Amino acid sequence: MGLNGIIVELLELYVIVIVLYVVMTWFPVTNPGGPMDRLRFFLTRLSEPVLNPIRRLIPSVGGSSIRFDFAPLIVILVIELILIPIVSRI
């Protein structure tokens, strides 16, 4: 596996991190300090540095009870656009 393969694997792994982070935000923390809370904290630490700058450009949409955050979707789309030329060369 060359450098392109490693880049593809890392970007695909980051997409999984973003998806897991989004799913974890749908559920409340029931056991503070427990394993799921630690996983959420870990995923937040990996995701937020990339998501926050996008959130500053494109804020969430929706009412007071339901908000839709476009930042994860934009990050995943950008990653997929980056992957297209890399994967076509492998």
C-alpha atoms as a PDB file:
ATOM      1  CA  MET A   1       0.000   0.000   0.000  1.00  0.00           C
ATOM      2  CA  GLY A   2       1.488   3.279  -1.119  1.00  0.00           C
ATOM      3  CA  LEU A   3       0.999   6.796   0.151  1.00  0.00           C
ATOM      4  CA  ASN A   4      -2.244   7.158  -1.819  1.00  0.00           C
ATOM      5  CA  GLY A   5      -3.654   4.039  -0.163  1.00  0.00           C
ATOM      6  CA  ILE A   6      -2.770   5.331   3.295  1.00  0.00           C
ATOM      7  CA  ILE A   7      -4.397   8.701   2.565  1.00  0.00           C
ATOM      8  CA  VAL A   8      -7.541   6.953   1.312  1.00  0.00           C
ATOM      9  CA  GLU A   9      -7.729   4.761   4.422  1.00  0.00           C
ATOM     10  CA  LEU A  10      -7.251   7.719   6.778  1.00  0.00           C
ATOM     11  CA  LEU A  11      -9.886   9.818   5.021  1.00  0.00           C
ATOM     12  CA  GLU A  12     -12.348   6.919   5.023  1.00  0.00           C
ATOM     13  CA  LEU A  13     -11.667   6.387   8.726  1.00  0.00           C
ATOM     14  CA  TYR A  14     -12.336  10.082   9.373  1.00  0.00           C
ATOM     15  CA  VAL A  15     -15.687   9.817   7.581  1.00  0.00           C
ATOM     16  CA  ILE A  16     -16.578   6.982   9.955  1.00  0.00           C
ATOM     17  CA  VAL A  17     -15.516   9.148  12.917  1.00  0.00           C
ATOM     18  CA  ILE A  18     -17.779  11.979  11.725  1.00  0.00           C
ATOM     19  CA  VAL A  19     -20.747   9.626  11.221  1.00  0.00           C
ATOM     20  CA  LEU A  20     -20.255   8.063  14.672  1.00  0.00           C
ATOM     21  CA  TYR A  21     -19.978  11.521  16.216  1.00  0.00           C
ATOM     22  CA  VAL A  22     -23.247  12.619  14.617  1.00  0.00           C
ATOM     23  CA  VAL A  23     -25.057   9.473  15.752  1.00  0.00           C
ATOM     24  CA  MET A  24     -23.702   9.858  19.291  1.00  0.00           C
ATOM     25  CA  THR A  25     -25.088  13.412  19.498  1.00  0.00           C
ATOM     26  CA  TRP A  26     -28.619  12.073  18.985  1.00  0.00           C
ATOM     27  CA  PHE A  27     -28.581  10.262  22.333  1.00  0.00           C
ATOM     28  CA  PRO A  28     -28.304  11.776  25.810  1.00  0.00           C
ATOM     29  CA  VAL A  29     -25.448  10.880  28.139  1.00  0.00           C
ATOM     30  CA  THR A  30     -26.920   8.429  30.644  1.00  0.00           C
ATOM     31  CA  ASN A  31     -23.728   7.508  32.477  1.00  0.00           C
ATOM     32  CA  PRO A  32     -21.338  10.471  32.818  1.00  0.00           C
ATOM     33  CA  GLY A  33     -17.776   9.201  32.803  1.00  0.00           C
ATOM     34  CA  GLY A  34     -18.858   5.833  31.430  1.00  0.00           C
ATOM     35  CA  PRO A  35     -17.496   4.168  28.303  1.00  0.00           C
ATOM     36  CA  MET A  36     -20.043   5.755  25.936  1.00  0.00           C
ATOM     37  CA  ASP A  37     -19.357   9.182  27.423  1.00  0.00           C
ATOM     38  CA  ARG A  38     -15.620   8.678  26.929  1.00  0.00           C
ATOM     39  CA  LEU A  39     -16.239   7.564  23.333  1.00  0.00           C
ATOM     40  CA  ARG A  40     -18.344  10.672  22.726  1.00  0.00           C
ATOM     41  CA  PHE A  41     -15.593  12.854  24.198  1.00  0.00           C
ATOM     42  CA  PHE A  42     -12.980  11.171  21.971  1.00  0.00           C
ATOM     43  CA  LEU A  43     -15.121  11.576  18.837  1.00  0.00           C
ATOM     44  CA  THR A  44     -15.815  15.206  19.752  1.00  0.00           C
ATOM     45  CA  ARG A  45     -12.095  15.913  20.102  1.00  0.00           C
ATOM     46  CA  LEU A  46     -11.470  14.438  16.647  1.00  0.00           C
ATOM     47  CA  SER A  47     -14.442  16.053  14.892  1.00  0.00           C
ATOM     48  CA  GLU A  48     -14.915  19.536  16.297  1.00  0.00           C
ATOM     49  CA  PRO A  49     -11.656  21.097  14.997  1.00  0.00           C
ATOM     50  CA  VAL A  50     -12.878  20.433  11.454  1.00  0.00           C
ATOM     51  CA  LEU A  51     -16.594  21.046  12.030  1.00  0.00           C
ATOM     52  CA  ASN A  52     -16.385  24.347  13.947  1.00  0.00           C
ATOM     53  CA  PRO A  53     -14.892  26.469  11.131  1.00  0.00           C
ATOM     54  CA  ILE A  54     -17.619  25.232   8.786  1.00  0.00           C
ATOM     55  CA  ARG A  55     -20.281  26.006  11.404  1.00  0.00           C
ATOM     56  CA  ARG A  56     -19.015  29.580  11.564  1.00  0.00           C
ATOM     57  CA  LEU A  57     -19.551  29.881   7.787  1.00  0.00           C
ATOM     58  CA  ILE A  58     -22.826  27.935   7.582  1.00  0.00           C
ATOM     59  CA  PRO A  59     -24.865  28.017  10.806  1.00  0.00           C
ATOM     60  CA  SER A  60     -27.386  25.364  11.790  1.00  0.00           C
ATOM     61  CA  VAL A  61     -30.900  25.619  10.386  1.00  0.00           C
ATOM     62  CA  GLY A  62     -34.192  24.960  12.110  1.00  0.00           C
ATOM     63  CA  GLY A  63     -36.393  25.921  15.004  1.00  0.00           C
ATOM     64  CA  SER A  64     -35.757  25.965  18.711  1.00  0.00           C
ATOM     65  CA  SER A  65     -36.414  22.264  19.278  1.00  0.00           C
ATOM     66  CA  ILE A  66     -34.961  20.720  16.113  1.00  0.00           C
ATOM     67  CA  ARG A  67     -31.767  22.013  14.526  1.00  0.00           C
ATOM     68  CA  PHE A  68     -30.033  20.607  11.457  1.00  0.00           C
ATOM     69  CA  ASP A  69     -26.262  20.988  11.310  1.00  0.00           C
ATOM     70  CA  PHE A  70     -24.889  20.918   7.763  1.00  0.00           C
ATOM     71  CA  ALA A  71     -21.218  20.894   8.843  1.00  0.00           C
ATOM     72  CA  PRO A  72     -20.798  17.080   9.028  1.00  0.00           C
ATOM     73  CA  LEU A  73     -22.460  16.661   5.643  1.00  0.00           C
ATOM     74  CA  ILE A  74     -20.173  19.265   4.076  1.00  0.00           C
ATOM     75  CA  VAL A  75     -17.063  17.659   5.587  1.00  0.00           C
ATOM     76  CA  ILE A  76     -18.053  14.226   4.287  1.00  0.00           C
ATOM     77  CA  LEU A  77     -18.801  15.622   0.808  1.00  0.00           C
ATOM     78  CA  VAL A  78     -15.437  17.412   0.678  1.00  0.00           C
ATOM     79  CA  ILE A  79     -13.628  14.253   1.780  1.00  0.00           C
ATOM     80  CA  GLU A  80     -15.410  12.245  -0.899  1.00  0.00           C
ATOM     81  CA  LEU A  81     -14.469  14.849  -3.522  1.00  0.00           C
ATOM     82  CA  ILE A  82     -10.855  14.608  -2.385  1.00  0.00           C
ATOM     83  CA  LEU A  83     -10.993  10.794  -2.576  1.00  0.00           C
ATOM     84  CA  ILE A  84     -12.263  10.627  -6.176  1.00  0.00           C
ATOM     85  CA  PRO A  85      -8.983  11.581  -7.919  1.00  0.00           C
ATOM     86  CA  ILE A  86      -6.873   9.677  -5.399  1.00  0.00           C
ATOM     87  CA  VAL A  87      -8.836   6.441  -5.776  1.00  0.00           C
ATOM     88  CA  SER A  88      -8.853   6.730  -9.578  1.00  0.00           C
ATOM     89  CA  ARG A  89      -5.024   6.663  -9.539  1.00  0.00           C
ATOM     90  CA  ILE A  90      -4.747   3.550  -7.356  1.00  0.00           C
END
